[in-house]
């Protein structure tokens, strides 16, 4: 974090899937303040797992289509 948001400050989070393999995806996030300045960044690795079969599972095609590398940024306002 470059800085933490103030009390009741509205932020915008942009998230996207930056890269993926058969079994995992790399998610990136940018946190913006009300002026649109970047105040934080985050990265995460997501793995898909079939709980019933107890083994890794491939990423679903609809997830790749909705959140894939070529999709536009997905935003969430908080």
PDB file of N, CA and C in Angstrom:
ATOM      1  N   UNK A   1       0.836  -1.177   0.000  1.00  0.00           N
ATOM      2  CA  UNK A   1       0.000   0.000   0.000  1.00  0.00           C
ATOM      3  C   UNK A   1       0.883   1.244   0.000  1.00  0.00           C
ATOM      4  N   UNK A   2       0.557   2.165  -0.878  1.00  0.00           N
ATOM      5  CA  UNK A   2       1.235   3.464  -0.858  1.00  0.00           C
ATOM      6  C   UNK A   2       0.716   4.297   0.310  1.00  0.00           C
ATOM      7  N   UNK A   3      -0.589   4.190   0.535  1.00  0.00           N
ATOM      8  CA  UNK A   3      -1.225   4.801   1.695  1.00  0.00           C
ATOM      9  C   UNK A   3      -2.544   4.073   1.942  1.00  0.00           C
ATOM     10  N   UNK A   4      -3.004   4.127   3.170  1.00  0.00           N
ATOM     11  CA  UNK A   4      -4.279   3.504   3.506  1.00  0.00           C
ATOM     12  C   UNK A   4      -5.394   4.532   3.334  1.00  0.00           C
ATOM     13  N   UNK A   5      -6.573   4.095   2.877  1.00  0.00           N
ATOM     14  CA  UNK A   5      -7.682   5.044   2.729  1.00  0.00           C
ATOM     15  C   UNK A   5      -8.116   5.586   4.089  1.00  0.00           C
ATOM     16  N   UNK A   6      -8.619   6.803   4.060  1.00  0.00           N
ATOM     17  CA  UNK A   6      -9.128   7.410   5.281  1.00  0.00           C
ATOM     18  C   UNK A   6     -10.476   6.819   5.667  1.00  0.00           C
ATOM     19  N   UNK A   7     -10.914   7.139   6.845  1.00  0.00           N
ATOM     20  CA  UNK A   7     -12.199   6.672   7.350  1.00  0.00           C
ATOM     21  C   UNK A   7     -13.317   7.109   6.413  1.00  0.00           C
ATOM     22  N   UNK A   8     -14.098   6.162   5.947  1.00  0.00           N
ATOM     23  CA  UNK A   8     -15.232   6.346   5.027  1.00  0.00           C
ATOM     24  C   UNK A   8     -14.823   6.870   3.645  1.00  0.00           C
ATOM     25  N   UNK A   9     -13.545   6.859   3.322  1.00  0.00           N
ATOM     26  CA  UNK A   9     -13.100   7.255   1.980  1.00  0.00           C
ATOM     27  C   UNK A   9     -13.510   6.170   1.006  1.00  0.00           C
ATOM     28  N   UNK A  10     -14.084   6.567  -0.102  1.00  0.00           N
ATOM     29  CA  UNK A  10     -14.474   5.607  -1.129  1.00  0.00           C
ATOM     30  C   UNK A  10     -13.254   5.232  -1.961  1.00  0.00           C
ATOM     31  N   UNK A  11     -13.121   3.962  -2.265  1.00  0.00           N
ATOM     32  CA  UNK A  11     -12.041   3.476  -3.112  1.00  0.00           C
ATOM     33  C   UNK A  11     -12.634   2.669  -4.248  1.00  0.00           C
ATOM     34  N   UNK A  12     -11.842   2.491  -5.290  1.00  0.00           N
ATOM     35  CA  UNK A  12     -12.224   1.679  -6.433  1.00  0.00           C
ATOM     36  C   UNK A  12     -11.150   0.613  -6.596  1.00  0.00           C
ATOM     37  N   UNK A  13     -11.573  -0.626  -6.770  1.00  0.00           N
ATOM     38  CA  UNK A  13     -10.631  -1.729  -6.961  1.00  0.00           C
ATOM     39  C   UNK A  13     -10.801  -2.260  -8.378  1.00  0.00           C
ATOM     40  N   UNK A  14      -9.710  -2.256  -9.131  1.00  0.00           N
ATOM     41  CA  UNK A  14      -9.722  -2.838 -10.473  1.00  0.00           C
ATOM     42  C   UNK A  14      -8.986  -4.166 -10.386  1.00  0.00           C
ATOM     43  N   UNK A  15      -9.572  -5.199 -10.986  1.00  0.00           N
ATOM     44  CA  UNK A  15      -8.985  -6.531 -10.910  1.00  0.00           C
ATOM     45  C   UNK A  15      -9.048  -7.211 -12.269  1.00  0.00           C
ATOM     46  N   UNK A  16      -8.052  -8.031 -12.548  1.00  0.00           N
ATOM     47  CA  UNK A  16      -8.008  -8.766 -13.808  1.00  0.00           C
ATOM     48  C   UNK A  16      -7.130  -9.993 -13.653  1.00  0.00           C
ATOM     49  N   UNK A  17      -7.319 -10.927 -14.541  1.00  0.00           N
ATOM     50  CA  UNK A  17      -6.517 -12.142 -14.610  1.00  0.00           C
ATOM     51  C   UNK A  17      -5.368 -11.841 -15.564  1.00  0.00           C
ATOM     52  N   UNK A  18      -4.154 -11.737 -15.038  1.00  0.00           N
ATOM     53  CA  UNK A  18      -3.027 -11.317 -15.869  1.00  0.00           C
ATOM     54  C   UNK A  18      -2.375 -12.471 -16.627  1.00  0.00           C
ATOM     55  N   UNK A  19      -2.515 -13.671 -16.097  1.00  0.00           N
ATOM     56  CA  UNK A  19      -1.896 -14.843 -16.717  1.00  0.00           C
ATOM     57  C   UNK A  19      -2.571 -16.073 -16.125  1.00  0.00           C
ATOM     58  N   UNK A  20      -2.622 -17.153 -16.879  1.00  0.00           N
ATOM     59  CA  UNK A  20      -3.124 -18.392 -16.302  1.00  0.00           C
ATOM     60  C   UNK A  20      -2.511 -19.591 -17.006  1.00  0.00           C
ATOM     61  N   UNK A  21      -2.467 -20.674 -16.268  1.00  0.00           N
ATOM     62  CA  UNK A  21      -2.036 -21.960 -16.795  1.00  0.00           C
ATOM     63  C   UNK A  21      -3.237 -22.888 -16.703  1.00  0.00           C
ATOM     64  N   UNK A  22      -3.050 -24.149 -16.943  1.00  0.00           N
ATOM     65  CA  UNK A  22      -4.162 -25.098 -16.901  1.00  0.00           C
ATOM     66  C   UNK A  22      -4.835 -25.126 -15.535  1.00  0.00           C
ATOM     67  N   UNK A  23      -4.057 -25.028 -14.461  1.00  0.00           N
ATOM     68  CA  UNK A  23      -4.603 -25.231 -13.119  1.00  0.00           C
ATOM     69  C   UNK A  23      -4.584 -24.008 -12.195  1.00  0.00           C
ATOM     70  N   UNK A  24      -3.964 -22.922 -12.617  1.00  0.00           N
ATOM     71  CA  UNK A  24      -3.925 -21.759 -11.728  1.00  0.00           C
ATOM     72  C   UNK A  24      -3.999 -20.459 -12.515  1.00  0.00           C
ATOM     73  N   UNK A  25      -4.442 -19.424 -11.820  1.00  0.00           N
ATOM     74  CA  UNK A  25      -4.552 -18.107 -12.420  1.00  0.00           C
ATOM     75  C   UNK A  25      -3.855 -17.073 -11.573  1.00  0.00           C
ATOM     76  N   UNK A  26      -3.334 -16.039 -12.210  1.00  0.00           N
ATOM     77  CA  UNK A  26      -2.635 -14.954 -11.533  1.00  0.00           C
ATOM     78  C   UNK A  26      -3.515 -13.714 -11.601  1.00  0.00           C
ATOM     79  N   UNK A  27      -4.034 -13.284 -10.450  1.00  0.00           N
ATOM     80  CA  UNK A  27      -4.931 -12.144 -10.383  1.00  0.00           C
ATOM     81  C   UNK A  27      -4.168 -10.922  -9.888  1.00  0.00           C
ATOM     82  N   UNK A  28      -4.410  -9.800 -10.559  1.00  0.00           N
ATOM     83  CA  UNK A  28      -3.786  -8.532 -10.189  1.00  0.00           C
ATOM     84  C   UNK A  28      -4.884  -7.559  -9.766  1.00  0.00           C
ATOM     85  N   UNK A  29      -4.570  -6.687  -8.836  1.00  0.00           N
ATOM     86  CA  UNK A  29      -5.526  -5.709  -8.326  1.00  0.00           C
ATOM     87  C   UNK A  29      -4.840  -4.364  -8.159  1.00  0.00           C
ATOM     88  N   UNK A  30      -5.577  -3.301  -8.465  1.00  0.00           N
ATOM     89  CA  UNK A  30      -5.119  -1.937  -8.213  1.00  0.00           C
ATOM     90  C   UNK A  30      -6.201  -1.274  -7.363  1.00  0.00           C
ATOM     91  N   UNK A  31      -5.786  -0.558  -6.333  1.00  0.00           N
ATOM     92  CA  UNK A  31      -6.717   0.154  -5.465  1.00  0.00           C
ATOM     93  C   UNK A  31      -6.530   1.645  -5.728  1.00  0.00           C
ATOM     94  N   UNK A  32      -7.628   2.313  -6.084  1.00  0.00           N
ATOM     95  CA  UNK A  32      -7.592   3.726  -6.441  1.00  0.00           C
ATOM     96  C   UNK A  32      -8.371   4.543  -5.417  1.00  0.00           C
ATOM     97  N   UNK A  33      -7.905   5.773  -5.155  1.00  0.00           N
ATOM     98  CA  UNK A  33      -8.666   6.660  -4.279  1.00  0.00           C
ATOM     99  C   UNK A  33      -9.717   7.398  -5.095  1.00  0.00           C
ATOM    100  N   UNK A  34     -10.429   8.322  -4.454  1.00  0.00           N
ATOM    101  CA  UNK A  34     -11.517   9.038  -5.131  1.00  0.00           C
ATOM    102  C   UNK A  34     -11.026   9.901  -6.288  1.00  0.00           C
ATOM    103  N   UNK A  35      -9.775  10.315  -6.248  1.00  0.00           N
ATOM    104  CA  UNK A  35      -9.206  11.129  -7.324  1.00  0.00           C
ATOM    105  C   UNK A  35      -8.678  10.277  -8.477  1.00  0.00           C
ATOM    106  N   UNK A  36      -8.688   8.947  -8.310  1.00  0.00           N
ATOM    107  CA  UNK A  36      -8.190   8.051  -9.345  1.00  0.00           C
ATOM    108  C   UNK A  36      -6.719   7.721  -9.224  1.00  0.00           C
ATOM    109  N   UNK A  37      -6.094   8.146  -8.126  1.00  0.00           N
ATOM    110  CA  UNK A  37      -4.677   7.844  -7.906  1.00  0.00           C
ATOM    111  C   UNK A  37      -4.519   6.457  -7.300  1.00  0.00           C
ATOM    112  N   UNK A  38      -3.478   5.748  -7.736  1.00  0.00           N
ATOM    113  CA  UNK A  38      -3.200   4.412  -7.208  1.00  0.00           C
ATOM    114  C   UNK A  38      -2.691   4.551  -5.777  1.00  0.00           C
ATOM    115  N   UNK A  39      -3.398   3.893  -4.833  1.00  0.00           N
ATOM    116  CA  UNK A  39      -2.936   3.923  -3.444  1.00  0.00           C
ATOM    117  C   UNK A  39      -2.455   2.547  -2.988  1.00  0.00           C
ATOM    118  N   UNK A  40      -2.674   1.520  -3.810  1.00  0.00           N
ATOM    119  CA  UNK A  40      -2.197   0.192  -3.451  1.00  0.00           C
ATOM    120  C   UNK A  40      -2.316  -0.777  -4.615  1.00  0.00           C
ATOM    121  N   UNK A  41      -1.545  -1.847  -4.525  1.00  0.00           N
ATOM    122  CA  UNK A  41      -1.552  -2.910  -5.536  1.00  0.00           C
ATOM    123  C   UNK A  41      -1.483  -4.249  -4.815  1.00  0.00           C
ATOM    124  N   UNK A  42      -2.039  -5.269  -5.441  1.00  0.00           N
ATOM    125  CA  UNK A  42      -1.972  -6.614  -4.861  1.00  0.00           C
ATOM    126  C   UNK A  42      -1.935  -7.641  -5.989  1.00  0.00           C
ATOM    127  N   UNK A  43      -1.300  -8.772  -5.712  1.00  0.00           N
ATOM    128  CA  UNK A  43      -1.249  -9.890  -6.658  1.00  0.00           C
ATOM    129  C   UNK A  43      -1.603 -11.156  -5.890  1.00  0.00           C
ATOM    130  N   UNK A  44      -2.208 -12.081  -6.580  1.00  0.00           N
ATOM    131  CA  UNK A  44      -2.532 -13.350  -5.940  1.00  0.00           C
ATOM    132  C   UNK A  44      -2.510 -14.483  -6.944  1.00  0.00           C
ATOM    133  N   UNK A  45      -2.305 -15.667  -6.451  1.00  0.00           N
ATOM    134  CA  UNK A  45      -2.356 -16.865  -7.293  1.00  0.00           C
ATOM    135  C   UNK A  45      -3.565 -17.679  -6.841  1.00  0.00           C
ATOM    136  N   UNK A  46      -4.409 -18.024  -7.785  1.00  0.00           N
ATOM    137  CA  UNK A  46      -5.598 -18.808  -7.501  1.00  0.00           C
ATOM    138  C   UNK A  46      -5.415 -20.187  -8.114  1.00  0.00           C
ATOM    139  N   UNK A  47      -5.714 -21.210  -7.354  1.00  0.00           N
ATOM    140  CA  UNK A  47      -5.672 -22.589  -7.860  1.00  0.00           C
ATOM    141  C   UNK A  47      -7.095 -23.143  -7.842  1.00  0.00           C
ATOM    142  N   UNK A  48      -7.437 -23.916  -8.833  1.00  0.00           N
ATOM    143  CA  UNK A  48      -8.751 -24.547  -8.907  1.00  0.00           C
ATOM    144  C   UNK A  48      -8.624 -25.983  -8.438  1.00  0.00           C
ATOM    145  N   UNK A  49      -9.559 -26.365  -7.581  1.00  0.00           N
ATOM    146  CA  UNK A  49      -9.467 -27.673  -6.937  1.00  0.00           C
ATOM    147  C   UNK A  49     -10.844 -28.319  -6.909  1.00  0.00           C
ATOM    148  N   UNK A  50     -10.927 -29.562  -7.326  1.00  0.00           N
ATOM    149  CA  UNK A  50     -12.161 -30.349  -7.287  1.00  0.00           C
ATOM    150  C   UNK A  50     -12.261 -31.011  -5.914  1.00  0.00           C
ATOM    151  N   UNK A  51     -13.152 -30.502  -5.084  1.00  0.00           N
ATOM    152  CA  UNK A  51     -13.270 -31.000  -3.715  1.00  0.00           C
ATOM    153  C   UNK A  51     -13.754 -32.444  -3.676  1.00  0.00           C
ATOM    154  N   UNK A  52     -14.700 -32.797  -4.532  1.00  0.00           N
ATOM    155  CA  UNK A  52     -15.238 -34.165  -4.534  1.00  0.00           C
ATOM    156  C   UNK A  52     -14.188 -35.196  -4.919  1.00  0.00           C
ATOM    157  N   UNK A  53     -13.415 -34.883  -5.950  1.00  0.00           N
ATOM    158  CA  UNK A  53     -12.399 -35.833  -6.429  1.00  0.00           C
ATOM    159  C   UNK A  53     -11.047 -35.639  -5.734  1.00  0.00           C
ATOM    160  N   UNK A  54     -10.926 -34.572  -4.944  1.00  0.00           N
ATOM    161  CA  UNK A  54      -9.710 -34.280  -4.196  1.00  0.00           C
ATOM    162  C   UNK A  54      -8.454 -34.188  -5.074  1.00  0.00           C
ATOM    163  N   UNK A  55      -8.602 -33.391  -6.138  1.00  0.00           N
ATOM    164  CA  UNK A  55      -7.456 -33.181  -7.023  1.00  0.00           C
ATOM    165  C   UNK A  55      -7.602 -31.835  -7.730  1.00  0.00           C
ATOM    166  N   UNK A  56      -6.513 -31.292  -8.249  1.00  0.00           N
ATOM    167  CA  UNK A  56      -6.587 -30.026  -8.993  1.00  0.00           C
ATOM    168  C   UNK A  56      -7.511 -30.159 -10.194  1.00  0.00           C
ATOM    169  N   UNK A  57      -8.167 -29.048 -10.535  1.00  0.00           N
ATOM    170  CA  UNK A  57      -9.096 -29.032 -11.669  1.00  0.00           C
ATOM    171  C   UNK A  57      -8.709 -27.904 -12.617  1.00  0.00           C
ATOM    172  N   UNK A  58      -8.967 -28.083 -13.917  1.00  0.00           N
ATOM    173  CA  UNK A  58      -8.667 -27.016 -14.878  1.00  0.00           C
ATOM    174  C   UNK A  58      -9.575 -25.807 -14.651  1.00  0.00           C
ATOM    175  N   UNK A  59      -9.105 -24.635 -15.048  1.00  0.00           N
ATOM    176  CA  UNK A  59      -9.899 -23.418 -14.958  1.00  0.00           C
ATOM    177  C   UNK A  59     -11.066 -23.525 -15.934  1.00  0.00           C
ATOM    178  N   UNK A  60     -12.265 -23.164 -15.469  1.00  0.00           N
ATOM    179  CA  UNK A  60     -13.459 -23.228 -16.313  1.00  0.00           C
ATOM    180  C   UNK A  60     -13.355 -22.230 -17.463  1.00  0.00           C
ATOM    181  N   UNK A  61     -13.859 -22.605 -18.617  1.00  0.00           N
ATOM    182  CA  UNK A  61     -13.809 -21.739 -19.799  1.00  0.00           C
ATOM    183  C   UNK A  61     -14.555 -20.431 -19.569  1.00  0.00           C
ATOM    184  N   UNK A  62     -15.695 -20.474 -18.856  1.00  0.00           N
ATOM    185  CA  UNK A  62     -16.445 -19.233 -18.638  1.00  0.00           C
ATOM    186  C   UNK A  62     -15.672 -18.254 -17.757  1.00  0.00           C
ATOM    187  N   UNK A  63     -14.855 -18.749 -16.853  1.00  0.00           N
ATOM    188  CA  UNK A  63     -14.020 -17.870 -16.027  1.00  0.00           C
ATOM    189  C   UNK A  63     -12.938 -17.235 -16.884  1.00  0.00           C
ATOM    190  N   UNK A  64     -12.316 -18.019 -17.759  1.00  0.00           N
ATOM    191  CA  UNK A  64     -11.293 -17.458 -18.648  1.00  0.00           C
ATOM    192  C   UNK A  64     -11.904 -16.405 -19.574  1.00  0.00           C
ATOM    193  N   UNK A  65     -13.121 -16.650 -20.060  1.00  0.00           N
ATOM    194  CA  UNK A  65     -13.771 -15.708 -20.970  1.00  0.00           C
ATOM    195  C   UNK A  65     -14.140 -14.410 -20.247  1.00  0.00           C
ATOM    196  N   UNK A  66     -14.663 -14.528 -19.028  1.00  0.00           N
ATOM    197  CA  UNK A  66     -15.102 -13.348 -18.286  1.00  0.00           C
ATOM    198  C   UNK A  66     -13.941 -12.556 -17.697  1.00  0.00           C
ATOM    199  N   UNK A  67     -12.924 -13.222 -17.165  1.00  0.00           N
ATOM    200  CA  UNK A  67     -11.845 -12.569 -16.438  1.00  0.00           C
ATOM    201  C   UNK A  67     -10.497 -12.696 -17.132  1.00  0.00           C
ATOM    202  N   UNK A  68     -10.470 -13.167 -18.373  1.00  0.00           N
ATOM    203  CA  UNK A  68      -9.221 -13.470 -19.057  1.00  0.00           C
ATOM    204  C   UNK A  68      -8.366 -12.275 -19.388  1.00  0.00           C
ATOM    205  N   UNK A  69      -7.206 -12.570 -19.896  1.00  0.00           N
ATOM    206  CA  UNK A  69      -6.187 -11.569 -20.191  1.00  0.00           C
ATOM    207  C   UNK A  69      -6.700 -10.506 -21.150  1.00  0.00           C
ATOM    208  N   UNK A  70      -7.505 -10.892 -22.133  1.00  0.00           N
ATOM    209  CA  UNK A  70      -7.982  -9.934 -23.121  1.00  0.00           C
ATOM    210  C   UNK A  70      -9.248  -9.206 -22.701  1.00  0.00           C
ATOM    211  N   UNK A  71      -9.812  -9.527 -21.532  1.00  0.00           N
ATOM    212  CA  UNK A  71     -11.007  -8.826 -21.077  1.00  0.00           C
ATOM    213  C   UNK A  71     -10.609  -7.461 -20.506  1.00  0.00           C
ATOM    214  N   UNK A  72     -11.574  -6.556 -20.442  1.00  0.00           N
ATOM    215  CA  UNK A  72     -11.304  -5.239 -19.862  1.00  0.00           C
ATOM    216  C   UNK A  72     -11.212  -5.359 -18.351  1.00  0.00           C
ATOM    217  N   UNK A  73     -10.673  -4.324 -17.706  1.00  0.00           N
ATOM    218  CA  UNK A  73     -10.580  -4.320 -16.245  1.00  0.00           C
ATOM    219  C   UNK A  73     -11.962  -4.517 -15.649  1.00  0.00           C
ATOM    220  N   UNK A  74     -12.031  -5.252 -14.565  1.00  0.00           N
ATOM    221  CA  UNK A  74     -13.255  -5.412 -13.806  1.00  0.00           C
ATOM    222  C   UNK A  74     -13.128  -4.507 -12.586  1.00  0.00           C
ATOM    223  N   UNK A  75     -14.118  -3.702 -12.332  1.00  0.00           N
ATOM    224  CA  UNK A  75     -14.015  -2.747 -11.238  1.00  0.00           C
ATOM    225  C   UNK A  75     -15.074  -3.007 -10.183  1.00  0.00           C
ATOM    226  N   UNK A  76     -14.719  -2.710  -8.962  1.00  0.00           N
ATOM    227  CA  UNK A  76     -15.613  -2.836  -7.831  1.00  0.00           C
ATOM    228  C   UNK A  76     -15.457  -1.582  -6.996  1.00  0.00           C
ATOM    229  N   UNK A  77     -16.555  -0.880  -6.775  1.00  0.00           N
ATOM    230  CA  UNK A  77     -16.508   0.325  -5.946  1.00  0.00           C
ATOM    231  C   UNK A  77     -16.929  -0.029  -4.535  1.00  0.00           C
ATOM    232  N   UNK A  78     -16.152   0.429  -3.569  1.00  0.00           N
ATOM    233  CA  UNK A  78     -16.443   0.182  -2.164  1.00  0.00           C
ATOM    234  C   UNK A  78     -16.619   1.521  -1.463  1.00  0.00           C
TER     235      UNK A  78
END
